[in-house]
Every structure is written in C-alpha cells, then in structure tokens.
Amino acid sequence: MSWYLTIRSDPQFSKSTPTPPLIDFLKGLPELKQADPMRFEGGVGAPEVSVVVAACDERGNYSSPVTFQERVNIIELTCSHAGDTDWYHALAGKIAKFLGWKTHQDDDKTQM
C-alpha cells in the first residue's frame, strides 16, 4: 500500500516553476535516481519512493508525463507504508524548501 505527499505552491496550484533547475536539484539528491525525464525513484539504500514532477489543473489532476515539460506546478511523492515516514517527510521538505512551496499529505488535511 502507498500514501502520498504533494508539494505545491498553494491550494489552487496557481504558481509554476521552470523544470530544468528543479530536475537538476533532484538529480543532486543522493536519495534519488532519475527513472524518466519527469520521474525519480529511491536511490541505493533508500525506501521505495516515486517522485513525479508534473503540470496539473486547478484541482491537482495530472497524467504522469512521459516527455519533458518546461514548467511544472506539482511534485508528488508516492510513499510505501513499509518505509520510514520521517525519511519521506524529510525528502519532501528538502524539495519544498528548494521551491519555496509547501508539502501536503494525502488529502490536504496535513500541511508541513
């Protein structure tokens, strides 16, 4: 089973960010390895995680991108219940801090 952490600028997903600096930042994190142009997975020794970088509508709906997108407004982490919750929150926190955005858990009831 899995659970989700969503990183976004605001509840309406109204702000986007250029993708290249974000991808470069994610490539530099030892916790991650790039799986696709817009998706990362846990690196060696890391818990199971998928990090999708995408452009979504105002409700947060998106399709997993298979090609590069110039701007994005959502980063979603799919986390395993078998993994360390603190590790996932720390990873999401690093990404959110880099963007100046906030992290929200699952259905937006918890904001970090």
PDB file of N, CA and C in Angstrom:
ATOM      1  N   MET A   1       0.833  -1.178   0.000  1.00  0.00           N
ATOM      2  CA  MET A   1       0.000   0.000   0.000  1.00  0.00           C
ATOM      3  C   MET A   1       0.882   1.247   0.000  1.00  0.00           C
ATOM      4  N   SER A   2       0.315   2.333  -0.465  1.00  0.00           N
ATOM      5  CA  SER A   2       1.078   3.566  -0.513  1.00  0.00           C
ATOM      6  C   SER A   2       0.265   4.753  -0.020  1.00  0.00           C
ATOM      7  N   TRP A   3       0.979   5.826   0.206  1.00  0.00           N
ATOM      8  CA  TRP A   3       0.382   7.091   0.613  1.00  0.00           C
ATOM      9  C   TRP A   3       1.147   8.187  -0.106  1.00  0.00           C
ATOM     10  N   TYR A   4       0.633   9.405  -0.073  1.00  0.00           N
ATOM     11  CA  TYR A   4       1.162  10.456  -0.937  1.00  0.00           C
ATOM     12  C   TYR A   4       1.525  11.726  -0.178  1.00  0.00           C
ATOM     13  N   LEU A   5       2.585  12.361  -0.645  1.00  0.00           N
ATOM     14  CA  LEU A   5       2.959  13.704  -0.225  1.00  0.00           C
ATOM     15  C   LEU A   5       2.967  14.560  -1.488  1.00  0.00           C
ATOM     16  N   THR A   6       2.262  15.668  -1.448  1.00  0.00           N
ATOM     17  CA  THR A   6       2.167  16.564  -2.592  1.00  0.00           C
ATOM     18  C   THR A   6       2.854  17.879  -2.250  1.00  0.00           C
ATOM     19  N   ILE A   7       3.690  18.344  -3.137  1.00  0.00           N
ATOM     20  CA  ILE A   7       4.373  19.624  -2.972  1.00  0.00           C
ATOM     21  C   ILE A   7       3.773  20.582  -3.997  1.00  0.00           C
ATOM     22  N   ARG A   8       3.302  21.733  -3.494  1.00  0.00           N
ATOM     23  CA  ARG A   8       2.653  22.717  -4.365  1.00  0.00           C
ATOM     24  C   ARG A   8       2.810  24.108  -3.771  1.00  0.00           C
ATOM     25  N   SER A   9       2.582  25.105  -4.601  1.00  0.00           N
ATOM     26  CA  SER A   9       2.733  26.494  -4.149  1.00  0.00           C
ATOM     27  C   SER A   9       1.559  26.941  -3.299  1.00  0.00           C
ATOM     28  N   ASP A  10       0.361  26.530  -3.690  1.00  0.00           N
ATOM     29  CA  ASP A  10      -0.860  26.941  -2.996  1.00  0.00           C
ATOM     30  C   ASP A  10      -1.982  25.963  -3.350  1.00  0.00           C
ATOM     31  N   PRO A  11      -3.133  26.045  -2.673  1.00  0.00           N
ATOM     32  CA  PRO A  11      -4.211  25.082  -2.930  1.00  0.00           C
ATOM     33  C   PRO A  11      -4.755  25.083  -4.358  1.00  0.00           C
ATOM     34  N   GLN A  12      -4.580  26.167  -5.082  1.00  0.00           N
ATOM     35  CA  GLN A  12      -5.087  26.247  -6.459  1.00  0.00           C
ATOM     36  C   GLN A  12      -4.030  25.868  -7.501  1.00  0.00           C
ATOM     37  N   PHE A  13      -2.840  25.503  -7.054  1.00  0.00           N
ATOM     38  CA  PHE A  13      -1.748  25.152  -7.972  1.00  0.00           C
ATOM     39  C   PHE A  13      -1.492  26.290  -8.959  1.00  0.00           C
ATOM     40  N   SER A  14      -1.608  27.528  -8.479  1.00  0.00           N
ATOM     41  CA  SER A  14      -1.568  28.690  -9.374  1.00  0.00           C
ATOM     42  C   SER A  14      -0.166  29.102  -9.802  1.00  0.00           C
ATOM     43  N   LYS A  15       0.851  28.646  -9.099  1.00  0.00           N
ATOM     44  CA  LYS A  15       2.217  29.026  -9.470  1.00  0.00           C
ATOM     45  C   LYS A  15       2.960  27.817 -10.018  1.00  0.00           C
ATOM     46  N   SER A  16       3.717  28.081 -11.056  1.00  0.00           N
ATOM     47  CA  SER A  16       4.562  27.023 -11.619  1.00  0.00           C
ATOM     48  C   SER A  16       6.015  27.435 -11.497  1.00  0.00           C
ATOM     49  N   THR A  17       6.877  26.499 -11.770  1.00  0.00           N
ATOM     50  CA  THR A  17       8.311  26.755 -11.696  1.00  0.00           C
ATOM     51  C   THR A  17       8.974  26.178 -12.941  1.00  0.00           C
ATOM     52  N   PRO A  18      10.060  26.778 -13.407  1.00  0.00           N
ATOM     53  CA  PRO A  18      10.785  26.197 -14.536  1.00  0.00           C
ATOM     54  C   PRO A  18      11.301  24.807 -14.149  1.00  0.00           C
ATOM     55  N   THR A  19      11.155  23.875 -15.040  1.00  0.00           N
ATOM     56  CA  THR A  19      11.518  22.487 -14.752  1.00  0.00           C
ATOM     57  C   THR A  19      13.026  22.235 -14.674  1.00  0.00           C
ATOM     58  N   PRO A  20      13.860  22.790 -15.580  1.00  0.00           N
ATOM     59  CA  PRO A  20      15.280  22.419 -15.557  1.00  0.00           C
ATOM     60  C   PRO A  20      15.989  22.609 -14.211  1.00  0.00           C
ATOM     61  N   PRO A  21      15.824  23.743 -13.504  1.00  0.00           N
ATOM     62  CA  PRO A  21      16.512  23.853 -12.208  1.00  0.00           C
ATOM     63  C   PRO A  21      16.010  22.832 -11.183  1.00  0.00           C
ATOM     64  N   LEU A  22      14.726  22.509 -11.234  1.00  0.00           N
ATOM     65  CA  LEU A  22      14.173  21.514 -10.312  1.00  0.00           C
ATOM     66  C   LEU A  22      14.734  20.130 -10.611  1.00  0.00           C
ATOM     67  N   ILE A  23      14.785  19.764 -11.868  1.00  0.00           N
ATOM     68  CA  ILE A  23      15.347  18.458 -12.241  1.00  0.00           C
ATOM     69  C   ILE A  23      16.813  18.379 -11.825  1.00  0.00           C
ATOM     70  N   ASP A  24      17.562  19.443 -12.046  1.00  0.00           N
ATOM     71  CA  ASP A  24      18.972  19.460 -11.629  1.00  0.00           C
ATOM     72  C   ASP A  24      19.092  19.294 -10.117  1.00  0.00           C
ATOM     73  N   PHE A  25      18.212  19.959  -9.357  1.00  0.00           N
ATOM     74  CA  PHE A  25      18.217  19.822  -7.904  1.00  0.00           C
ATOM     75  C   PHE A  25      17.936  18.371  -7.501  1.00  0.00           C
ATOM     76  N   LEU A  26      16.908  17.769  -8.102  1.00  0.00           N
ATOM     77  CA  LEU A  26      16.555  16.390  -7.766  1.00  0.00           C
ATOM     78  C   LEU A  26      17.670  15.416  -8.143  1.00  0.00           C
ATOM     79  N   LYS A  27      18.326  15.654  -9.269  1.00  0.00           N
ATOM     80  CA  LYS A  27      19.455  14.807  -9.677  1.00  0.00           C
ATOM     81  C   LYS A  27      20.590  14.852  -8.662  1.00  0.00           C
ATOM     82  N   GLY A  28      20.719  15.972  -7.967  1.00  0.00           N
ATOM     83  CA  GLY A  28      21.784  16.135  -6.987  1.00  0.00           C
ATOM     84  C   GLY A  28      21.488  15.526  -5.628  1.00  0.00           C
ATOM     85  N   LEU A  29      20.254  15.074  -5.414  1.00  0.00           N
ATOM     86  CA  LEU A  29      19.910  14.467  -4.128  1.00  0.00           C
ATOM     87  C   LEU A  29      20.350  13.004  -4.110  1.00  0.00           C
ATOM     88  N   PRO A  30      21.167  12.603  -3.135  1.00  0.00           N
ATOM     89  CA  PRO A  30      21.644  11.217  -3.096  1.00  0.00           C
ATOM     90  C   PRO A  30      20.517  10.215  -2.818  1.00  0.00           C
ATOM     91  N   GLU A  31      19.393  10.693  -2.308  1.00  0.00           N
ATOM     92  CA  GLU A  31      18.265   9.811  -2.008  1.00  0.00           C
ATOM     93  C   GLU A  31      17.537   9.337  -3.257  1.00  0.00           C
ATOM     94  N   LEU A  32      17.789  10.011  -4.397  1.00  0.00           N
ATOM     95  CA  LEU A  32      17.023   9.743  -5.605  1.00  0.00           C
ATOM     96  C   LEU A  32      17.897   9.369  -6.786  1.00  0.00           C
ATOM     97  N   LYS A  33      17.272   8.660  -7.738  1.00  0.00           N
ATOM     98  CA  LYS A  33      17.881   8.418  -9.050  1.00  0.00           C
ATOM     99  C   LYS A  33      16.805   8.678 -10.094  1.00  0.00           C
ATOM    100  N   GLN A  34      17.197   9.245 -11.216  1.00  0.00           N
ATOM    101  CA  GLN A  34      16.227   9.594 -12.256  1.00  0.00           C
ATOM    102  C   GLN A  34      15.790   8.337 -12.994  1.00  0.00           C
ATOM    103  N   ALA A  35      14.465   8.156 -13.127  1.00  0.00           N
ATOM    104  CA  ALA A  35      13.904   6.998 -13.813  1.00  0.00           C
ATOM    105  C   ALA A  35      13.415   7.358 -15.214  1.00  0.00           C
ATOM    106  N   ASP A  36      12.873   8.551 -15.353  1.00  0.00           N
ATOM    107  CA  ASP A  36      12.336   9.077 -16.603  1.00  0.00           C
ATOM    108  C   ASP A  36      12.628  10.572 -16.619  1.00  0.00           C
ATOM    109  N   PRO A  37      12.363  11.259 -17.732  1.00  0.00           N
ATOM    110  CA  PRO A  37      12.629  12.701 -17.747  1.00  0.00           C
ATOM    111  C   PRO A  37      11.934  13.472 -16.622  1.00  0.00           C
ATOM    112  N   MET A  38      10.766  12.998 -16.172  1.00  0.00           N
ATOM    113  CA  MET A  38       9.981  13.730 -15.182  1.00  0.00           C
ATOM    114  C   MET A  38       9.680  12.886 -13.938  1.00  0.00           C
ATOM    115  N   ARG A  39      10.442  11.796 -13.722  1.00  0.00           N
ATOM    116  CA  ARG A  39      10.175  10.917 -12.582  1.00  0.00           C
ATOM    117  C   ARG A  39      11.478  10.406 -11.992  1.00  0.00           C
ATOM    118  N   PHE A  40      11.481  10.331 -10.657  1.00  0.00           N
ATOM    119  CA  PHE A  40      12.621   9.825  -9.910  1.00  0.00           C
ATOM    120  C   PHE A  40      12.169   8.683  -9.012  1.00  0.00           C
ATOM    121  N   GLU A  41      13.115   7.826  -8.641  1.00  0.00           N
ATOM    122  CA  GLU A  41      12.873   6.725  -7.710  1.00  0.00           C
ATOM    123  C   GLU A  41      13.903   6.814  -6.599  1.00  0.00           C
ATOM    124  N   GLY A  42      13.688   6.006  -5.578  1.00  0.00           N
ATOM    125  CA  GLY A  42      14.648   5.959  -4.485  1.00  0.00           C
ATOM    126  C   GLY A  42      15.996   5.446  -4.962  1.00  0.00           C
ATOM    127  N   GLY A  43      17.060   6.064  -4.465  1.00  0.00           N
ATOM    128  CA  GLY A  43      18.410   5.633  -4.805  1.00  0.00           C
ATOM    129  C   GLY A  43      18.807   4.406  -4.001  1.00  0.00           C
ATOM    130  N   VAL A  44      20.037   4.016  -4.129  1.00  0.00           N
ATOM    131  CA  VAL A  44      20.555   2.836  -3.438  1.00  0.00           C
ATOM    132  C   VAL A  44      20.375   2.997  -1.928  1.00  0.00           C
ATOM    133  N   GLY A  45      19.738   2.014  -1.307  1.00  0.00           N
ATOM    134  CA  GLY A  45      19.532   2.022   0.132  1.00  0.00           C
ATOM    135  C   GLY A  45      18.369   2.874   0.614  1.00  0.00           C
ATOM    136  N   ALA A  46      17.692   3.544  -0.285  1.00  0.00           N
ATOM    137  CA  ALA A  46      16.564   4.406   0.093  1.00  0.00           C
ATOM    138  C   ALA A  46      15.272   3.594   0.130  1.00  0.00           C
ATOM    139  N   PRO A  47      14.304   4.046   0.908  1.00  0.00           N
ATOM    140  CA  PRO A  47      12.997   3.383   0.877  1.00  0.00           C
ATOM    141  C   PRO A  47      12.356   3.510  -0.500  1.00  0.00           C
ATOM    142  N   GLU A  48      11.374   2.673  -0.756  1.00  0.00           N
ATOM    143  CA  GLU A  48      10.661   2.727  -2.030  1.00  0.00           C
ATOM    144  C   GLU A  48       9.902   4.050  -2.125  1.00  0.00           C
ATOM    145  N   VAL A  49      10.165   4.798  -3.203  1.00  0.00           N
ATOM    146  CA  VAL A  49       9.501   6.083  -3.425  1.00  0.00           C
ATOM    147  C   VAL A  49       9.488   6.367  -4.918  1.00  0.00           C
ATOM    148  N   SER A  50       8.438   7.046  -5.356  1.00  0.00           N
ATOM    149  CA  SER A  50       8.367   7.558  -6.716  1.00  0.00           C
ATOM    150  C   SER A  50       8.080   9.048  -6.601  1.00  0.00           C
ATOM    151  N   VAL A  51       8.860   9.858  -7.301  1.00  0.00           N
ATOM    152  CA  VAL A  51       8.687  11.308  -7.279  1.00  0.00           C
ATOM    153  C   VAL A  51       8.349  11.750  -8.701  1.00  0.00           C
ATOM    154  N   VAL A  52       7.127  12.237  -8.891  1.00  0.00           N
ATOM    155  CA  VAL A  52       6.670  12.686 -10.204  1.00  0.00           C
ATOM    156  C   VAL A  52       6.631  14.206 -10.205  1.00  0.00           C
ATOM    157  N   VAL A  53       7.193  14.783 -11.241  1.00  0.00           N
ATOM    158  CA  VAL A  53       7.211  16.227 -11.450  1.00  0.00           C
ATOM    159  C   VAL A  53       6.271  16.482 -12.632  1.00  0.00           C
ATOM    160  N   ALA A  54       5.218  17.299 -12.431  1.00  0.00           N
ATOM    161  CA  ALA A  54       4.198  17.421 -13.474  1.00  0.00           C
ATOM    162  C   ALA A  54       3.537  18.801 -13.484  1.00  0.00           C
ATOM    163  N   ALA A  55       2.718  19.001 -14.490  1.00  0.00           N
ATOM    164  CA  ALA A  55       1.841  20.174 -14.583  1.00  0.00           C
ATOM    165  C   ALA A  55       0.424  19.659 -14.397  1.00  0.00           C
ATOM    166  N   CYS A  56      -0.322  20.279 -13.480  1.00  0.00           N
ATOM    167  CA  CYS A  56      -1.676  19.810 -13.184  1.00  0.00           C
ATOM    168  C   CYS A  56      -2.687  20.932 -13.373  1.00  0.00           C
ATOM    169  N   ASP A  57      -3.964  20.560 -13.322  1.00  0.00           N
ATOM    170  CA  ASP A  57      -5.022  21.570 -13.386  1.00  0.00           C
ATOM    171  C   ASP A  57      -5.269  22.130 -11.987  1.00  0.00           C
ATOM    172  N   GLU A  58      -6.256  23.019 -11.854  1.00  0.00           N
ATOM    173  CA  GLU A  58      -6.507  23.697 -10.577  1.00  0.00           C
ATOM    174  C   GLU A  58      -6.979  22.759  -9.476  1.00  0.00           C
ATOM    175  N   ARG A  59      -7.360  21.531  -9.818  1.00  0.00           N
ATOM    176  CA  ARG A  59      -7.778  20.555  -8.810  1.00  0.00           C
ATOM    177  C   ARG A  59      -6.681  19.554  -8.486  1.00  0.00           C
ATOM    178  N   GLY A  60      -5.532  19.696  -9.130  1.00  0.00           N
ATOM    179  CA  GLY A  60      -4.419  18.802  -8.861  1.00  0.00           C
ATOM    180  C   GLY A  60      -4.381  17.565  -9.730  1.00  0.00           C
ATOM    181  N   ASN A  61      -5.209  17.502 -10.751  1.00  0.00           N
ATOM    182  CA  ASN A  61      -5.240  16.349 -11.644  1.00  0.00           C
ATOM    183  C   ASN A  61      -4.142  16.473 -12.697  1.00  0.00           C
ATOM    184  N   TYR A  62      -3.439  15.395 -12.916  1.00  0.00           N
ATOM    185  CA  TYR A  62      -2.392  15.361 -13.934  1.00  0.00           C
ATOM    186  C   TYR A  62      -2.225  13.947 -14.442  1.00  0.00           C
ATOM    187  N   SER A  63      -1.615  13.810 -15.607  1.00  0.00           N
ATOM    188  CA  SER A  63      -1.201  12.493 -16.071  1.00  0.00           C
ATOM    189  C   SER A  63       0.308  12.438 -15.957  1.00  0.00           C
ATOM    190  N   SER A  64       0.801  11.285 -15.608  1.00  0.00           N
ATOM    191  CA  SER A  64       2.250  11.139 -15.458  1.00  0.00           C
ATOM    192  C   SER A  64       2.913  11.461 -16.790  1.00  0.00           C
ATOM    193  N   PRO A  65       3.743  12.490 -16.791  1.00  0.00           N
ATOM    194  CA  PRO A  65       4.367  12.898 -18.052  1.00  0.00           C
ATOM    195  C   PRO A  65       5.438  11.901 -18.497  1.00  0.00           C
ATOM    196  N   VAL A  66       5.458  11.627 -19.791  1.00  0.00           N
ATOM    197  CA  VAL A  66       6.489  10.760 -20.346  1.00  0.00           C
ATOM    198  C   VAL A  66       7.505  11.574 -21.140  1.00  0.00           C
ATOM    199  N   THR A  67       7.166  12.825 -21.411  1.00  0.00           N
ATOM    200  CA  THR A  67       8.101  13.712 -22.085  1.00  0.00           C
ATOM    201  C   THR A  67       8.367  14.915 -21.182  1.00  0.00           C
ATOM    202  N   PHE A  68       9.421  15.612 -21.466  1.00  0.00           N
ATOM    203  CA  PHE A  68       9.826  16.756 -20.660  1.00  0.00           C
ATOM    204  C   PHE A  68       8.815  17.891 -20.771  1.00  0.00           C
ATOM    205  N   GLN A  69       8.479  18.513 -19.639  1.00  0.00           N
ATOM    206  CA  GLN A  69       7.604  19.680 -19.597  1.00  0.00           C
ATOM    207  C   GLN A  69       8.429  20.868 -19.124  1.00  0.00           C
ATOM    208  N   GLU A  70       8.278  22.020 -19.766  1.00  0.00           N
ATOM    209  CA  GLU A  70       9.095  23.196 -19.453  1.00  0.00           C
ATOM    210  C   GLU A  70       8.788  23.808 -18.086  1.00  0.00           C
ATOM    211  N   ARG A  71       7.532  23.730 -17.658  1.00  0.00           N
ATOM    212  CA  ARG A  71       7.130  24.282 -16.358  1.00  0.00           C
ATOM    213  C   ARG A  71       6.243  23.267 -15.653  1.00  0.00           C
ATOM    214  N   VAL A  72       6.340  23.238 -14.324  1.00  0.00           N
ATOM    215  CA  VAL A  72       5.531  22.317 -13.525  1.00  0.00           C
ATOM    216  C   VAL A  72       4.941  23.050 -12.322  1.00  0.00           C
ATOM    217  N   ASN A  73       3.853  22.496 -11.780  1.00  0.00           N
ATOM    218  CA  ASN A  73       3.234  23.102 -10.605  1.00  0.00           C
ATOM    219  C   ASN A  73       2.866  22.077  -9.529  1.00  0.00           C
ATOM    220  N   ILE A  74       3.336  20.853  -9.685  1.00  0.00           N
ATOM    221  CA  ILE A  74       3.099  19.823  -8.678  1.00  0.00           C
ATOM    222  C   ILE A  74       4.251  18.828  -8.676  1.00  0.00           C
ATOM    223  N   ILE A  75       4.636  18.412  -7.490  1.00  0.00           N
ATOM    224  CA  ILE A  75       5.590  17.324  -7.307  1.00  0.00           C
ATOM    225  C   ILE A  75       4.902  16.368  -6.355  1.00  0.00           C
ATOM    226  N   GLU A  76       4.735  15.123  -6.775  1.00  0.00           N
ATOM    227  CA  GLU A  76       4.037  14.164  -5.929  1.00  0.00           C
ATOM    228  C   GLU A  76       4.933  12.985  -5.603  1.00  0.00           C
ATOM    229  N   LEU A  77       5.026  12.695  -4.315  1.00  0.00           N
ATOM    230  CA  LEU A  77       5.782  11.549  -3.836  1.00  0.00           C
ATOM    231  C   LEU A  77       4.808  10.434  -3.502  1.00  0.00           C
ATOM    232  N   THR A  78       5.022   9.265  -4.082  1.00  0.00           N
ATOM    233  CA  THR A  78       4.271   8.074  -3.713  1.00  0.00           C
ATOM    234  C   THR A  78       5.171   7.297  -2.764  1.00  0.00           C
ATOM    235  N   CYS A  79       4.689   7.125  -1.536  1.00  0.00           N
ATOM    236  CA  CYS A  79       5.487   6.565  -0.451  1.00  0.00           C
ATOM    237  C   CYS A  79       4.927   5.209  -0.025  1.00  0.00           C
ATOM    238  N   SER A  80       5.796   4.312   0.380  1.00  0.00           N
ATOM    239  CA  SER A  80       5.386   2.992   0.833  1.00  0.00           C
ATOM    240  C   SER A  80       5.109   3.004   2.333  1.00  0.00           C
ATOM    241  N   HIS A  81       4.054   2.328   2.746  1.00  0.00           N
ATOM    242  CA  HIS A  81       3.771   2.204   4.184  1.00  0.00           C
ATOM    243  C   HIS A  81       4.879   1.418   4.891  1.00  0.00           C
ATOM    244  N   ALA A  82       5.647   0.656   4.123  1.00  0.00           N
ATOM    245  CA  ALA A  82       6.740  -0.120   4.713  1.00  0.00           C
ATOM    246  C   ALA A  82       7.980   0.745   4.968  1.00  0.00           C
ATOM    247  N   GLY A  83       8.020   1.946   4.389  1.00  0.00           N
ATOM    248  CA  GLY A  83       9.183   2.829   4.535  1.00  0.00           C
ATOM    249  C   GLY A  83       9.100   3.693   5.778  1.00  0.00           C
ATOM    250  N   ASP A  84      10.168   4.417   6.016  1.00  0.00           N
ATOM    251  CA  ASP A  84      10.280   5.311   7.174  1.00  0.00           C
ATOM    252  C   ASP A  84       9.568   6.628   6.877  1.00  0.00           C
ATOM    253  N   THR A  85       8.489   6.903   7.587  1.00  0.00           N
ATOM    254  CA  THR A  85       7.694   8.113   7.386  1.00  0.00           C
ATOM    255  C   THR A  85       8.540   9.377   7.516  1.00  0.00           C
ATOM    256  N   ASP A  86       9.417   9.413   8.498  1.00  0.00           N
ATOM    257  CA  ASP A  86      10.265  10.589   8.691  1.00  0.00           C
ATOM    258  C   ASP A  86      11.170  10.832   7.485  1.00  0.00           C
ATOM    259  N   TRP A  87      11.657   9.757   6.877  1.00  0.00           N
ATOM    260  CA  TRP A  87      12.519   9.872   5.693  1.00  0.00           C
ATOM    261  C   TRP A  87      11.748  10.546   4.561  1.00  0.00           C
ATOM    262  N   TYR A  88      10.509  10.095   4.322  1.00  0.00           N
ATOM    263  CA  TYR A  88       9.691  10.674   3.250  1.00  0.00           C
ATOM    264  C   TYR A  88       9.414  12.156   3.505  1.00  0.00           C
ATOM    265  N   HIS A  89       9.069  12.485   4.747  1.00  0.00           N
ATOM    266  CA  HIS A  89       8.786  13.888   5.073  1.00  0.00           C
ATOM    267  C   HIS A  89      10.046  14.749   4.933  1.00  0.00           C
ATOM    268  N   ALA A  90      11.189  14.193   5.300  1.00  0.00           N
ATOM    269  CA  ALA A  90      12.448  14.944   5.153  1.00  0.00           C
ATOM    270  C   ALA A  90      12.754  15.196   3.677  1.00  0.00           C
ATOM    271  N   LEU A  91      12.564  14.185   2.846  1.00  0.00           N
ATOM    272  CA  LEU A  91      12.802  14.345   1.412  1.00  0.00           C
ATOM    273  C   LEU A  91      11.851  15.391   0.826  1.00  0.00           C
ATOM    274  N   ALA A  92      10.575  15.280   1.134  1.00  0.00           N
ATOM    275  CA  ALA A  92       9.595  16.263   0.638  1.00  0.00           C
ATOM    276  C   ALA A  92       9.938  17.659   1.142  1.00  0.00           C
ATOM    277  N   GLY A  93      10.401  17.747   2.386  1.00  0.00           N
ATOM    278  CA  GLY A  93      10.773  19.038   2.951  1.00  0.00           C
ATOM    279  C   GLY A  93      11.920  19.690   2.199  1.00  0.00           C
ATOM    280  N   LYS A  94      12.905  18.889   1.800  1.00  0.00           N
ATOM    281  CA  LYS A  94      14.039  19.428   1.023  1.00  0.00           C
ATOM    282  C   LYS A  94      13.560  20.006  -0.306  1.00  0.00           C
ATOM    283  N   ILE A  95      12.673  19.258  -0.962  1.00  0.00           N
ATOM    284  CA  ILE A  95      12.173  19.701  -2.268  1.00  0.00           C
ATOM    285  C   ILE A  95      11.318  20.963  -2.106  1.00  0.00           C
ATOM    286  N   ALA A  96      10.434  20.947  -1.113  1.00  0.00           N
ATOM    287  CA  ALA A  96       9.567  22.108  -0.872  1.00  0.00           C
ATOM    288  C   ALA A  96      10.392  23.343  -0.528  1.00  0.00           C
ATOM    289  N   LYS A  97      11.406  23.176   0.288  1.00  0.00           N
ATOM    290  CA  LYS A  97      12.258  24.310   0.662  1.00  0.00           C
ATOM    291  C   LYS A  97      12.962  24.886  -0.563  1.00  0.00           C
ATOM    292  N   PHE A  98      13.462  24.027  -1.432  1.00  0.00           N
ATOM    293  CA  PHE A  98      14.125  24.473  -2.653  1.00  0.00           C
ATOM    294  C   PHE A  98      13.185  25.350  -3.486  1.00  0.00           C
ATOM    295  N   LEU A  99      11.909  24.959  -3.546  1.00  0.00           N
ATOM    296  CA  LEU A  99      10.929  25.692  -4.360  1.00  0.00           C
ATOM    297  C   LEU A  99      10.275  26.853  -3.620  1.00  0.00           C
ATOM    298  N   GLY A 100      10.348  26.845  -2.285  1.00  0.00           N
ATOM    299  CA  GLY A 100       9.611  27.835  -1.504  1.00  0.00           C
ATOM    300  C   GLY A 100       8.129  27.500  -1.451  1.00  0.00           C
ATOM    301  N   TRP A 101       7.794  26.211  -1.601  1.00  0.00           N
ATOM    302  CA  TRP A 101       6.416  25.735  -1.598  1.00  0.00           C
ATOM    303  C   TRP A 101       6.139  24.977  -0.306  1.00  0.00           C
ATOM    304  N   LYS A 102       4.970  24.364  -0.200  1.00  0.00           N
ATOM    305  CA  LYS A 102       4.553  23.603   0.975  1.00  0.00           C
ATOM    306  C   LYS A 102       4.311  22.148   0.599  1.00  0.00           C
ATOM    307  N   THR A 103       4.426  21.294   1.598  1.00  0.00           N
ATOM    308  CA  THR A 103       4.130  19.874   1.435  1.00  0.00           C
ATOM    309  C   THR A 103       2.794  19.568   2.095  1.00  0.00           C
ATOM    310  N   HIS A 104       1.972  18.790   1.417  1.00  0.00           N
ATOM    311  CA  HIS A 104       0.669  18.379   1.929  1.00  0.00           C
ATOM    312  C   HIS A 104       0.586  16.867   1.869  1.00  0.00           C
ATOM    313  N   GLN A 105       0.012  16.256   2.892  1.00  0.00           N
ATOM    314  CA  GLN A 105      -0.114  14.805   2.924  1.00  0.00           C
ATOM    315  C   GLN A 105      -1.475  14.379   2.442  1.00  0.00           C
ATOM    316  N   ASP A 106      -1.505  13.399   1.552  1.00  0.00           N
ATOM    317  CA  ASP A 106      -2.715  12.780   1.024  1.00  0.00           C
ATOM    318  C   ASP A 106      -3.784  13.776   0.635  1.00  0.00           C
ATOM    319  N   ASP A 107      -4.793  13.956   1.441  1.00  0.00           N
ATOM    320  CA  ASP A 107      -5.969  14.732   1.058  1.00  0.00           C
ATOM    321  C   ASP A 107      -5.933  16.177   1.553  1.00  0.00           C
ATOM    322  N   ASP A 108      -4.754  16.706   1.799  1.00  0.00           N
ATOM    323  CA  ASP A 108      -4.574  18.108   2.173  1.00  0.00           C
ATOM    324  C   ASP A 108      -4.962  18.411   3.625  1.00  0.00           C
ATOM    325  N   LYS A 109      -5.206  17.401   4.416  1.00  0.00           N
ATOM    326  CA  LYS A 109      -5.556  17.658   5.820  1.00  0.00           C
ATOM    327  C   LYS A 109      -4.321  17.969   6.649  1.00  0.00           C
ATOM    328  N   THR A 110      -3.183  17.523   6.180  1.00  0.00           N
ATOM    329  CA  THR A 110      -1.948  17.764   6.915  1.00  0.00           C
ATOM    330  C   THR A 110      -1.004  18.583   6.056  1.00  0.00           C
ATOM    331  N   GLN A 111      -0.599  19.731   6.542  1.00  0.00           N
ATOM    332  CA  GLN A 111       0.357  20.577   5.812  1.00  0.00           C
ATOM    333  C   GLN A 111       1.647  20.639   6.602  1.00  0.00           C
ATOM    334  N   MET A 112       2.771  20.465   5.895  1.00  0.00           N
ATOM    335  CA  MET A 112       4.073  20.526   6.524  1.00  0.00           C
ATOM    336  C   MET A 112       4.823  21.740   6.018  1.00  0.00           C
TER     337      MET A 112
END
